[in-house]
Amino acid sequence: MIWLIRAYLNAGIMDGGVVVDRHLGTPQGGPLSSLLANVLLDDMDKALEARGYSFARYADDCKVYVNSKKSGERVMVYLRKLYTGLKLQINEAKSTVASAFGR
């Protein structure tokens, strides 16, 4: 199974009929991207559940629901720590602490 995943990750992508090397990550929308995100982020899910947070995650997108902005800021600090432990980075441009209304 590991060999198959590695082969998929090392394969190029087609761009205009030409194979182009890929150097980082998996193609967005590819089936392996969601699978690997779910496997890797399972520990994050368990950590959030253990703290009693309400959250929804699809692949690498996650929304955590709390009662106040201050709680949201604490969760962001916690998520940065979890992601760092997984050797991942949070996309700061897409991440925010805000009301669920209007998001």
PDB file of N, CA and C in Angstrom:
ATOM      1  N   MET A   1       0.821  -1.185   0.000  1.00  0.00           N
ATOM      2  CA  MET A   1       0.000   0.000   0.000  1.00  0.00           C
ATOM      3  C   MET A   1       0.875   1.264   0.000  1.00  0.00           C
ATOM      4  N   ILE A   2       1.924   1.258   0.823  1.00  0.00           N
ATOM      5  CA  ILE A   2       2.829   2.414   0.882  1.00  0.00           C
ATOM      6  C   ILE A   2       3.472   2.645  -0.488  1.00  0.00           C
ATOM      7  N   TRP A   3       3.859   1.570  -1.160  1.00  0.00           N
ATOM      8  CA  TRP A   3       4.468   1.690  -2.487  1.00  0.00           C
ATOM      9  C   TRP A   3       3.504   2.366  -3.460  1.00  0.00           C
ATOM     10  N   LEU A   4       2.232   1.973  -3.401  1.00  0.00           N
ATOM     11  CA  LEU A   4       1.227   2.533  -4.301  1.00  0.00           C
ATOM     12  C   LEU A   4       1.015   4.028  -4.027  1.00  0.00           C
ATOM     13  N   ILE A   5       0.949   4.404  -2.770  1.00  0.00           N
ATOM     14  CA  ILE A   5       0.791   5.815  -2.411  1.00  0.00           C
ATOM     15  C   ILE A   5       2.002   6.612  -2.872  1.00  0.00           C
ATOM     16  N   ARG A   6       3.198   6.089  -2.630  1.00  0.00           N
ATOM     17  CA  ARG A   6       4.424   6.788  -3.056  1.00  0.00           C
ATOM     18  C   ARG A   6       4.456   6.962  -4.574  1.00  0.00           C
ATOM     19  N   ALA A   7       4.083   5.921  -5.315  1.00  0.00           N
ATOM     20  CA  ALA A   7       4.063   6.012  -6.775  1.00  0.00           C
ATOM     21  C   ALA A   7       3.089   7.090  -7.238  1.00  0.00           C
ATOM     22  N   TYR A   8       1.943   7.171  -6.609  1.00  0.00           N
ATOM     23  CA  TYR A   8       0.960   8.184  -6.962  1.00  0.00           C
ATOM     24  C   TYR A   8       1.499   9.583  -6.674  1.00  0.00           C
ATOM     25  N   LEU A   9       2.139   9.745  -5.512  1.00  0.00           N
ATOM     26  CA  LEU A   9       2.681  11.055  -5.136  1.00  0.00           C
ATOM     27  C   LEU A   9       3.829  11.477  -6.054  1.00  0.00           C
ATOM     28  N   ASN A  10       4.595  10.516  -6.569  1.00  0.00           N
ATOM     29  CA  ASN A  10       5.730  10.836  -7.431  1.00  0.00           C
ATOM     30  C   ASN A  10       5.343  10.995  -8.905  1.00  0.00           C
ATOM     31  N   ALA A  11       4.118  10.623  -9.241  1.00  0.00           N
ATOM     32  CA  ALA A  11       3.670  10.739 -10.630  1.00  0.00           C
ATOM     33  C   ALA A  11       3.490  12.210 -10.997  1.00  0.00           C
ATOM     34  N   GLY A  12       3.719  12.524 -12.254  1.00  0.00           N
ATOM     35  CA  GLY A  12       3.505  13.894 -12.721  1.00  0.00           C
ATOM     36  C   GLY A  12       2.024  14.170 -12.925  1.00  0.00           C
ATOM     37  N   ILE A  13       1.707  15.370 -13.354  1.00  0.00           N
ATOM     38  CA  ILE A  13       0.334  15.725 -13.662  1.00  0.00           C
ATOM     39  C   ILE A  13       0.261  16.188 -15.114  1.00  0.00           C
ATOM     40  N   MET A  14      -0.886  16.023 -15.732  1.00  0.00           N
ATOM     41  CA  MET A  14      -1.080  16.452 -17.112  1.00  0.00           C
ATOM     42  C   MET A  14      -1.536  17.904 -17.120  1.00  0.00           C
ATOM     43  N   ASP A  15      -0.833  18.713 -17.892  1.00  0.00           N
ATOM     44  CA  ASP A  15      -1.197  20.117 -18.060  1.00  0.00           C
ATOM     45  C   ASP A  15      -1.147  20.430 -19.547  1.00  0.00           C
ATOM     46  N   GLY A  16      -2.312  20.536 -20.166  1.00  0.00           N
ATOM     47  CA  GLY A  16      -2.354  20.790 -21.603  1.00  0.00           C
ATOM     48  C   GLY A  16      -1.785  19.652 -22.426  1.00  0.00           C
ATOM     49  N   GLY A  17      -1.932  18.426 -21.949  1.00  0.00           N
ATOM     50  CA  GLY A  17      -1.431  17.267 -22.678  1.00  0.00           C
ATOM     51  C   GLY A  17       0.038  16.969 -22.442  1.00  0.00           C
ATOM     52  N   VAL A  18       0.679  17.735 -21.557  1.00  0.00           N
ATOM     53  CA  VAL A  18       2.100  17.543 -21.261  1.00  0.00           C
ATOM     54  C   VAL A  18       2.240  17.137 -19.795  1.00  0.00           C
ATOM     55  N   VAL A  19       3.055  16.119 -19.525  1.00  0.00           N
ATOM     56  CA  VAL A  19       3.296  15.695 -18.146  1.00  0.00           C
ATOM     57  C   VAL A  19       4.257  16.681 -17.487  1.00  0.00           C
ATOM     58  N   VAL A  20       3.844  17.205 -16.343  1.00  0.00           N
ATOM     59  CA  VAL A  20       4.634  18.176 -15.583  1.00  0.00           C
ATOM     60  C   VAL A  20       4.964  17.556 -14.234  1.00  0.00           C
ATOM     61  N   ASP A  21       6.217  17.685 -13.794  1.00  0.00           N
ATOM     62  CA  ASP A  21       6.603  17.165 -12.485  1.00  0.00           C
ATOM     63  C   ASP A  21       5.888  17.926 -11.375  1.00  0.00           C
ATOM     64  N   ARG A  22       5.554  17.201 -10.332  1.00  0.00           N
ATOM     65  CA  ARG A  22       4.941  17.807  -9.143  1.00  0.00           C
ATOM     66  C   ARG A  22       5.956  17.636  -8.017  1.00  0.00           C
ATOM     67  N   HIS A  23       6.193  18.697  -7.274  1.00  0.00           N
ATOM     68  CA  HIS A  23       7.235  18.651  -6.253  1.00  0.00           C
ATOM     69  C   HIS A  23       6.703  18.677  -4.827  1.00  0.00           C
ATOM     70  N   LEU A  24       5.431  18.995  -4.647  1.00  0.00           N
ATOM     71  CA  LEU A  24       4.911  19.147  -3.289  1.00  0.00           C
ATOM     72  C   LEU A  24       3.434  18.804  -3.250  1.00  0.00           C
ATOM     73  N   GLY A  25       3.041  17.986  -2.295  1.00  0.00           N
ATOM     74  CA  GLY A  25       1.631  17.718  -2.063  1.00  0.00           C
ATOM     75  C   GLY A  25       0.983  16.819  -3.088  1.00  0.00           C
ATOM     76  N   THR A  26      -0.342  16.742  -2.964  1.00  0.00           N
ATOM     77  CA  THR A  26      -1.142  15.955  -3.887  1.00  0.00           C
ATOM     78  C   THR A  26      -2.013  16.906  -4.702  1.00  0.00           C
ATOM     79  N   PRO A  27      -2.419  16.497  -5.897  1.00  0.00           N
ATOM     80  CA  PRO A  27      -3.270  17.375  -6.699  1.00  0.00           C
ATOM     81  C   PRO A  27      -4.581  17.679  -5.964  1.00  0.00           C
ATOM     82  N   GLN A  28      -4.973  18.936  -5.958  1.00  0.00           N
ATOM     83  CA  GLN A  28      -6.212  19.326  -5.303  1.00  0.00           C
ATOM     84  C   GLN A  28      -7.381  18.631  -5.978  1.00  0.00           C
ATOM     85  N   GLY A  29      -8.256  18.051  -5.172  1.00  0.00           N
ATOM     86  CA  GLY A  29      -9.410  17.351  -5.708  1.00  0.00           C
ATOM     87  C   GLY A  29      -9.143  15.899  -6.047  1.00  0.00           C
ATOM     88  N   GLY A  30      -7.886  15.480  -5.962  1.00  0.00           N
ATOM     89  CA  GLY A  30      -7.560  14.087  -6.240  1.00  0.00           C
ATOM     90  C   GLY A  30      -8.034  13.192  -5.113  1.00  0.00           C
ATOM     91  N   PRO A  31      -8.344  11.924  -5.401  1.00  0.00           N
ATOM     92  CA  PRO A  31      -8.853  11.021  -4.364  1.00  0.00           C
ATOM     93  C   PRO A  31      -7.835  10.752  -3.259  1.00  0.00           C
ATOM     94  N   LEU A  32      -6.566  10.773  -3.576  1.00  0.00           N
ATOM     95  CA  LEU A  32      -5.556  10.484  -2.561  1.00  0.00           C
ATOM     96  C   LEU A  32      -5.432  11.632  -1.563  1.00  0.00           C
ATOM     97  N   SER A  33      -5.668  12.848  -2.002  1.00  0.00           N
ATOM     98  CA  SER A  33      -5.552  14.017  -1.130  1.00  0.00           C
ATOM     99  C   SER A  33      -6.484  13.903   0.074  1.00  0.00           C
ATOM    100  N   SER A  34      -7.744  13.606  -0.178  1.00  0.00           N
ATOM    101  CA  SER A  34      -8.724  13.474   0.913  1.00  0.00           C
ATOM    102  C   SER A  34      -8.407  12.288   1.807  1.00  0.00           C
ATOM    103  N   LEU A  35      -8.002  11.174   1.204  1.00  0.00           N
ATOM    104  CA  LEU A  35      -7.674   9.980   1.982  1.00  0.00           C
ATOM    105  C   LEU A  35      -6.507  10.247   2.933  1.00  0.00           C
ATOM    106  N   LEU A  36      -5.424  10.820   2.401  1.00  0.00           N
ATOM    107  CA  LEU A  36      -4.255  11.094   3.244  1.00  0.00           C
ATOM    108  C   LEU A  36      -4.565  12.129   4.314  1.00  0.00           C
ATOM    109  N   ALA A  37      -5.369  13.132   3.977  1.00  0.00           N
ATOM    110  CA  ALA A  37      -5.756  14.141   4.981  1.00  0.00           C
ATOM    111  C   ALA A  37      -6.524  13.477   6.118  1.00  0.00           C
ATOM    112  N   ASN A  38      -7.439  12.593   5.781  1.00  0.00           N
ATOM    113  CA  ASN A  38      -8.217  11.922   6.825  1.00  0.00           C
ATOM    114  C   ASN A  38      -7.355  11.027   7.700  1.00  0.00           C
ATOM    115  N   VAL A  39      -6.404  10.333   7.095  1.00  0.00           N
ATOM    116  CA  VAL A  39      -5.510   9.472   7.875  1.00  0.00           C
ATOM    117  C   VAL A  39      -4.631  10.318   8.785  1.00  0.00           C
ATOM    118  N   LEU A  40      -4.018  11.358   8.235  1.00  0.00           N
ATOM    119  CA  LEU A  40      -3.094  12.187   8.993  1.00  0.00           C
ATOM    120  C   LEU A  40      -3.793  12.991  10.073  1.00  0.00           C
ATOM    121  N   LEU A  41      -4.982  13.509   9.783  1.00  0.00           N
ATOM    122  CA  LEU A  41      -5.661  14.404  10.720  1.00  0.00           C
ATOM    123  C   LEU A  41      -6.569  13.673  11.702  1.00  0.00           C
ATOM    124  N   ASP A  42      -6.572  12.355  11.678  1.00  0.00           N
ATOM    125  CA  ASP A  42      -7.365  11.587  12.632  1.00  0.00           C
ATOM    126  C   ASP A  42      -6.957  11.905  14.072  1.00  0.00           C
ATOM    127  N   ASP A  43      -5.654  12.046  14.329  1.00  0.00           N
ATOM    128  CA  ASP A  43      -5.191  12.385  15.682  1.00  0.00           C
ATOM    129  C   ASP A  43      -5.681  13.767  16.103  1.00  0.00           C
ATOM    130  N   MET A  44      -5.743  14.717  15.135  1.00  0.00           N
ATOM    131  CA  MET A  44      -6.258  16.046  15.453  1.00  0.00           C
ATOM    132  C   MET A  44      -7.736  15.951  15.824  1.00  0.00           C
ATOM    133  N   ASP A  45      -8.498  15.167  15.073  1.00  0.00           N
ATOM    134  CA  ASP A  45      -9.915  14.981  15.387  1.00  0.00           C
ATOM    135  C   ASP A  45     -10.085  14.449  16.807  1.00  0.00           C
ATOM    136  N   LYS A  46      -9.296  13.448  17.154  1.00  0.00           N
ATOM    137  CA  LYS A  46      -9.396  12.847  18.490  1.00  0.00           C
ATOM    138  C   LYS A  46      -9.023  13.852  19.576  1.00  0.00           C
ATOM    139  N   ALA A  47      -8.019  14.698  19.305  1.00  0.00           N
ATOM    140  CA  ALA A  47      -7.615  15.712  20.282  1.00  0.00           C
ATOM    141  C   ALA A  47      -8.728  16.745  20.481  1.00  0.00           C
ATOM    142  N   LEU A  48      -9.368  17.165  19.396  1.00  0.00           N
ATOM    143  CA  LEU A  48     -10.477  18.126  19.508  1.00  0.00           C
ATOM    144  C   LEU A  48     -11.664  17.491  20.235  1.00  0.00           C
ATOM    145  N   GLU A  49     -11.965  16.230  19.928  1.00  0.00           N
ATOM    146  CA  GLU A  49     -13.056  15.525  20.603  1.00  0.00           C
ATOM    147  C   GLU A  49     -12.778  15.391  22.095  1.00  0.00           C
ATOM    148  N   ALA A  50     -11.525  15.079  22.452  1.00  0.00           N
ATOM    149  CA  ALA A  50     -11.160  14.908  23.857  1.00  0.00           C
ATOM    150  C   ALA A  50     -11.369  16.195  24.651  1.00  0.00           C
ATOM    151  N   ARG A  51     -11.227  17.337  23.995  1.00  0.00           N
ATOM    152  CA  ARG A  51     -11.446  18.628  24.651  1.00  0.00           C
ATOM    153  C   ARG A  51     -12.903  19.076  24.588  1.00  0.00           C
ATOM    154  N   GLY A  52     -13.746  18.282  23.933  1.00  0.00           N
ATOM    155  CA  GLY A  52     -15.171  18.587  23.890  1.00  0.00           C
ATOM    156  C   GLY A  52     -15.575  19.637  22.869  1.00  0.00           C
ATOM    157  N   TYR A  53     -14.723  19.925  21.894  1.00  0.00           N
ATOM    158  CA  TYR A  53     -15.054  20.927  20.877  1.00  0.00           C
ATOM    159  C   TYR A  53     -16.035  20.365  19.859  1.00  0.00           C
ATOM    160  N   SER A  54     -16.919  21.235  19.388  1.00  0.00           N
ATOM    161  CA  SER A  54     -17.781  20.906  18.255  1.00  0.00           C
ATOM    162  C   SER A  54     -17.047  21.351  17.004  1.00  0.00           C
ATOM    163  N   PHE A  55     -16.922  20.460  16.033  1.00  0.00           N
ATOM    164  CA  PHE A  55     -16.180  20.819  14.829  1.00  0.00           C
ATOM    165  C   PHE A  55     -16.676  20.000  13.646  1.00  0.00           C
ATOM    166  N   ALA A  56     -16.369  20.502  12.476  1.00  0.00           N
ATOM    167  CA  ALA A  56     -16.657  19.800  11.224  1.00  0.00           C
ATOM    168  C   ALA A  56     -15.401  19.869  10.375  1.00  0.00           C
ATOM    169  N   ARG A  57     -15.002  18.726   9.820  1.00  0.00           N
ATOM    170  CA  ARG A  57     -13.806  18.702   8.973  1.00  0.00           C
ATOM    171  C   ARG A  57     -14.113  17.906   7.720  1.00  0.00           C
ATOM    172  N   TYR A  58     -13.712  18.449   6.576  1.00  0.00           N
ATOM    173  CA  TYR A  58     -13.760  17.727   5.316  1.00  0.00           C
ATOM    174  C   TYR A  58     -12.369  17.804   4.716  1.00  0.00           C
ATOM    175  N   ALA A  59     -11.717  16.652   4.610  1.00  0.00           N
ATOM    176  CA  ALA A  59     -10.320  16.586   4.166  1.00  0.00           C
ATOM    177  C   ALA A  59      -9.493  17.501   5.062  1.00  0.00           C
ATOM    178  N   ASP A  60      -8.874  18.542   4.507  1.00  0.00           N
ATOM    179  CA  ASP A  60      -8.020  19.393   5.341  1.00  0.00           C
ATOM    180  C   ASP A  60      -8.704  20.684   5.773  1.00  0.00           C
ATOM    181  N   ASP A  61      -9.969  20.868   5.424  1.00  0.00           N
ATOM    182  CA  ASP A  61     -10.719  22.048   5.867  1.00  0.00           C
ATOM    183  C   ASP A  61     -11.428  21.732   7.174  1.00  0.00           C
ATOM    184  N   CYS A  62     -11.294  22.624   8.150  1.00  0.00           N
ATOM    185  CA  CYS A  62     -11.864  22.365   9.464  1.00  0.00           C
ATOM    186  C   CYS A  62     -12.499  23.633  10.018  1.00  0.00           C
ATOM    187  N   LYS A  63     -13.666  23.476  10.626  1.00  0.00           N
ATOM    188  CA  LYS A  63     -14.318  24.567  11.339  1.00  0.00           C
ATOM    189  C   LYS A  63     -14.564  24.079  12.761  1.00  0.00           C
ATOM    190  N   VAL A  64     -14.135  24.881  13.741  1.00  0.00           N
ATOM    191  CA  VAL A  64     -14.329  24.563  15.146  1.00  0.00           C
ATOM    192  C   VAL A  64     -15.276  25.608  15.712  1.00  0.00           C
ATOM    193  N   TYR A  65     -16.318  25.160  16.397  1.00  0.00           N
ATOM    194  CA  TYR A  65     -17.345  26.062  16.909  1.00  0.00           C
ATOM    195  C   TYR A  65     -17.225  26.205  18.422  1.00  0.00           C
ATOM    196  N   VAL A  66     -17.084  27.449  18.864  1.00  0.00           N
ATOM    197  CA  VAL A  66     -16.964  27.765  20.288  1.00  0.00           C
ATOM    198  C   VAL A  66     -17.898  28.929  20.603  1.00  0.00           C
ATOM    199  N   ASN A  67     -17.978  29.299  21.880  1.00  0.00           N
ATOM    200  CA  ASN A  67     -18.946  30.309  22.315  1.00  0.00           C
ATOM    201  C   ASN A  67     -18.452  31.747  22.260  1.00  0.00           C
ATOM    202  N   SER A  68     -17.163  31.971  22.168  1.00  0.00           N
ATOM    203  CA  SER A  68     -16.672  33.353  22.205  1.00  0.00           C
ATOM    204  C   SER A  68     -15.433  33.506  21.329  1.00  0.00           C
ATOM    205  N   LYS A  69     -15.138  34.751  21.009  1.00  0.00           N
ATOM    206  CA  LYS A  69     -13.945  35.031  20.212  1.00  0.00           C
ATOM    207  C   LYS A  69     -12.688  34.621  20.972  1.00  0.00           C
ATOM    208  N   LYS A  70     -12.677  34.868  22.284  1.00  0.00           N
ATOM    209  CA  LYS A  70     -11.519  34.496  23.106  1.00  0.00           C
ATOM    210  C   LYS A  70     -11.293  32.981  23.057  1.00  0.00           C
ATOM    211  N   SER A  71     -12.367  32.208  23.132  1.00  0.00           N
ATOM    212  CA  SER A  71     -12.248  30.748  23.023  1.00  0.00           C
ATOM    213  C   SER A  71     -11.718  30.366  21.644  1.00  0.00           C
ATOM    214  N   GLY A  72     -12.196  31.053  20.613  1.00  0.00           N
ATOM    215  CA  GLY A  72     -11.728  30.795  19.259  1.00  0.00           C
ATOM    216  C   GLY A  72     -10.250  31.047  19.109  1.00  0.00           C
ATOM    217  N   GLU A  73      -9.768  32.109  19.730  1.00  0.00           N
ATOM    218  CA  GLU A  73      -8.330  32.416  19.672  1.00  0.00           C
ATOM    219  C   GLU A  73      -7.513  31.341  20.383  1.00  0.00           C
ATOM    220  N   ARG A  74      -8.030  30.830  21.509  1.00  0.00           N
ATOM    221  CA  ARG A  74      -7.333  29.738  22.210  1.00  0.00           C
ATOM    222  C   ARG A  74      -7.297  28.478  21.345  1.00  0.00           C
ATOM    223  N   VAL A  75      -8.399  28.191  20.643  1.00  0.00           N
ATOM    224  CA  VAL A  75      -8.448  27.015  19.768  1.00  0.00           C
ATOM    225  C   VAL A  75      -7.433  27.157  18.636  1.00  0.00           C
ATOM    226  N   MET A  76      -7.310  28.364  18.067  1.00  0.00           N
ATOM    227  CA  MET A  76      -6.333  28.576  16.985  1.00  0.00           C
ATOM    228  C   MET A  76      -4.909  28.305  17.481  1.00  0.00           C
ATOM    229  N   VAL A  77      -4.584  28.749  18.678  1.00  0.00           N
ATOM    230  CA  VAL A  77      -3.258  28.472  19.243  1.00  0.00           C
ATOM    231  C   VAL A  77      -3.070  26.960  19.379  1.00  0.00           C
ATOM    232  N   TYR A  78      -4.096  26.285  19.873  1.00  0.00           N
ATOM    233  CA  TYR A  78      -4.045  24.839  20.045  1.00  0.00           C
ATOM    234  C   TYR A  78      -3.890  24.133  18.695  1.00  0.00           C
ATOM    235  N   LEU A  79      -4.648  24.565  17.674  1.00  0.00           N
ATOM    236  CA  LEU A  79      -4.551  23.949  16.350  1.00  0.00           C
ATOM    237  C   LEU A  79      -3.175  24.165  15.727  1.00  0.00           C
ATOM    238  N   ARG A  80      -2.605  25.344  15.914  1.00  0.00           N
ATOM    239  CA  ARG A  80      -1.253  25.580  15.387  1.00  0.00           C
ATOM    240  C   ARG A  80      -0.263  24.601  16.017  1.00  0.00           C
ATOM    241  N   LYS A  81      -0.419  24.358  17.310  1.00  0.00           N
ATOM    242  CA  LYS A  81       0.458  23.408  18.010  1.00  0.00           C
ATOM    243  C   LYS A  81       0.257  21.994  17.457  1.00  0.00           C
ATOM    244  N   LEU A  82      -1.003  21.586  17.280  1.00  0.00           N
ATOM    245  CA  LEU A  82      -1.283  20.258  16.737  1.00  0.00           C
ATOM    246  C   LEU A  82      -0.718  20.104  15.325  1.00  0.00           C
ATOM    247  N   TYR A  83      -0.948  21.117  14.486  1.00  0.00           N
ATOM    248  CA  TYR A  83      -0.467  21.045  13.099  1.00  0.00           C
ATOM    249  C   TYR A  83       1.053  21.020  13.046  1.00  0.00           C
ATOM    250  N   THR A  84       1.701  21.799  13.902  1.00  0.00           N
ATOM    251  CA  THR A  84       3.163  21.795  13.941  1.00  0.00           C
ATOM    252  C   THR A  84       3.668  20.405  14.306  1.00  0.00           C
ATOM    253  N   GLY A  85       3.001  19.764  15.258  1.00  0.00           N
ATOM    254  CA  GLY A  85       3.375  18.400  15.641  1.00  0.00           C
ATOM    255  C   GLY A  85       3.221  17.410  14.499  1.00  0.00           C
ATOM    256  N   LEU A  86       2.313  17.697  13.578  1.00  0.00           N
ATOM    257  CA  LEU A  86       2.108  16.840  12.409  1.00  0.00           C
ATOM    258  C   LEU A  86       2.951  17.281  11.211  1.00  0.00           C
ATOM    259  N   LYS A  87       3.774  18.310  11.424  1.00  0.00           N
ATOM    260  CA  LYS A  87       4.624  18.888  10.370  1.00  0.00           C
ATOM    261  C   LYS A  87       3.787  19.462   9.230  1.00  0.00           C
ATOM    262  N   LEU A  88       2.670  20.094   9.612  1.00  0.00           N
ATOM    263  CA  LEU A  88       1.786  20.758   8.668  1.00  0.00           C
ATOM    264  C   LEU A  88       1.744  22.242   8.986  1.00  0.00           C
ATOM    265  N   GLN A  89       1.258  23.033   8.040  1.00  0.00           N
ATOM    266  CA  GLN A  89       1.093  24.464   8.254  1.00  0.00           C
ATOM    267  C   GLN A  89      -0.362  24.839   8.042  1.00  0.00           C
ATOM    268  N   ILE A  90      -0.858  25.715   8.901  1.00  0.00           N
ATOM    269  CA  ILE A  90      -2.194  26.271   8.714  1.00  0.00           C
ATOM    270  C   ILE A  90      -2.085  27.389   7.689  1.00  0.00           C
ATOM    271  N   ASN A  91      -2.993  27.414   6.742  1.00  0.00           N
ATOM    272  CA  ASN A  91      -3.029  28.497   5.765  1.00  0.00           C
ATOM    273  C   ASN A  91      -3.612  29.725   6.465  1.00  0.00           C
ATOM    274  N   GLU A  92      -2.742  30.617   6.905  1.00  0.00           N
ATOM    275  CA  GLU A  92      -3.167  31.785   7.675  1.00  0.00           C
ATOM    276  C   GLU A  92      -4.057  32.722   6.856  1.00  0.00           C
ATOM    277  N   ALA A  93      -3.885  32.735   5.531  1.00  0.00           N
ATOM    278  CA  ALA A  93      -4.703  33.605   4.688  1.00  0.00           C
ATOM    279  C   ALA A  93      -6.165  33.147   4.662  1.00  0.00           C
ATOM    280  N   LYS A  94      -6.402  31.850   4.846  1.00  0.00           N
ATOM    281  CA  LYS A  94      -7.758  31.310   4.813  1.00  0.00           C
ATOM    282  C   LYS A  94      -8.328  31.075   6.207  1.00  0.00           C
ATOM    283  N   SER A  95      -7.513  31.208   7.244  1.00  0.00           N
ATOM    284  CA  SER A  95      -7.942  30.871   8.594  1.00  0.00           C
ATOM    285  C   SER A  95      -8.284  32.129   9.379  1.00  0.00           C
ATOM    286  N   THR A  96      -9.340  32.023  10.172  1.00  0.00           N
ATOM    287  CA  THR A  96      -9.762  33.175  10.969  1.00  0.00           C
ATOM    288  C   THR A  96     -10.572  32.736  12.158  1.00  0.00           C
ATOM    289  N   VAL A  97     -10.677  33.615  13.128  1.00  0.00           N
ATOM    290  CA  VAL A  97     -11.585  33.436  14.244  1.00  0.00           C
ATOM    291  C   VAL A  97     -12.714  34.435  14.012  1.00  0.00           C
ATOM    292  N   ALA A  98     -13.922  33.927  13.802  1.00  0.00           N
ATOM    293  CA  ALA A  98     -15.051  34.806  13.476  1.00  0.00           C
ATOM    294  C   ALA A  98     -16.355  34.118  13.841  1.00  0.00           C
ATOM    295  N   SER A  99     -17.423  34.883  13.826  1.00  0.00           N
ATOM    296  CA  SER A  99     -18.753  34.353  14.061  1.00  0.00           C
ATOM    297  C   SER A  99     -19.115  33.381  12.951  1.00  0.00           C
ATOM    298  N   ALA A 100     -19.845  32.331  13.303  1.00  0.00           N
ATOM    299  CA  ALA A 100     -20.290  31.357  12.309  1.00  0.00           C
ATOM    300  C   ALA A 100     -21.310  31.975  11.354  1.00  0.00           C
ATOM    301  N   PHE A 101     -21.991  33.020  11.799  1.00  0.00           N
ATOM    302  CA  PHE A 101     -22.972  33.679  10.942  1.00  0.00           C
ATOM    303  C   PHE A 101     -22.259  34.487   9.881  1.00  0.00           C
ATOM    304  N   GLY A 102     -22.605  34.246   8.643  1.00  0.00           N
ATOM    305  CA  GLY A 102     -21.976  34.955   7.539  1.00  0.00           C
ATOM    306  C   GLY A 102     -20.706  34.315   7.011  1.00  0.00           C
ATOM    307  N   ARG A 103     -20.310  33.187   7.572  1.00  0.00           N
ATOM    308  CA  ARG A 103     -19.111  32.482   7.092  1.00  0.00           C
ATOM    309  C   ARG A 103     -19.527  31.379   6.168  1.00  0.00           C
TER     310      ARG A 103
END
